[in-house]
Amino acid sequence: MASEVKAALSLDEIWFLPNSLPPHKQDEEHSSPIDRCEMLKLAVSGKEGFLVEPIELERTGPSYTYDTIVLLKEKYPDYHFSFIIGADMIEYLPKWNRVDQLLSMVRFVGVGRPGYSPATNYNLTMVDVPQFDVSSSMIRNRIEQGITTSYLMQDKIMDFIKEKGLYGT
């Protein structure tokens, strides 16, 4: 998805922002923020224009996107940011912290996701990308049930998961 959006919008880079404490998932804990960051680094290693920005791991409390964008704009004042979200998060936008202010600070880019509607009253740039019915929850469930994840993620990430004993491995 990120690669498709990068090409469609001629973006220079895609930054992945692992969060510390997602506000909408505060009761869930599947892996530590550091482990998620390491898995992201493995996923993008060697991919030109794909980076991991750990800015959300450097602060405590819920990882509100508004706070993150404020910090990114302070740290990189000459950059123009876009924020890519799937249709599942598009449906959730009315519940985001300071969503109206956030939408005035960055361009939001939406992509479709099976089972979710991209319809919204918010001003988003929609990008048509191939849709795959794959989610992190589905991958975690497959790992926990001992079902193969081949072709769903890179082998080096599965090796990391096994090494760390994540998701019941």
Foldseek 3Di string as FASTA:
>chain_A
DVVQVCVVVVPQADEAEQAQAAPVPNVDDQDGSVLVQVLLCVQCVPPHRYYYDDVNVVDDDHSAVVVVLVVVCVVPVVDAAEAEDELVVLVVLVVGDPSVVVVVRHAYEYEYEPPGDNDDPDDHHYDYDDYDNDDPVVVLVCVLVVHDCPPVGDPVSVVSCVVVCTSND
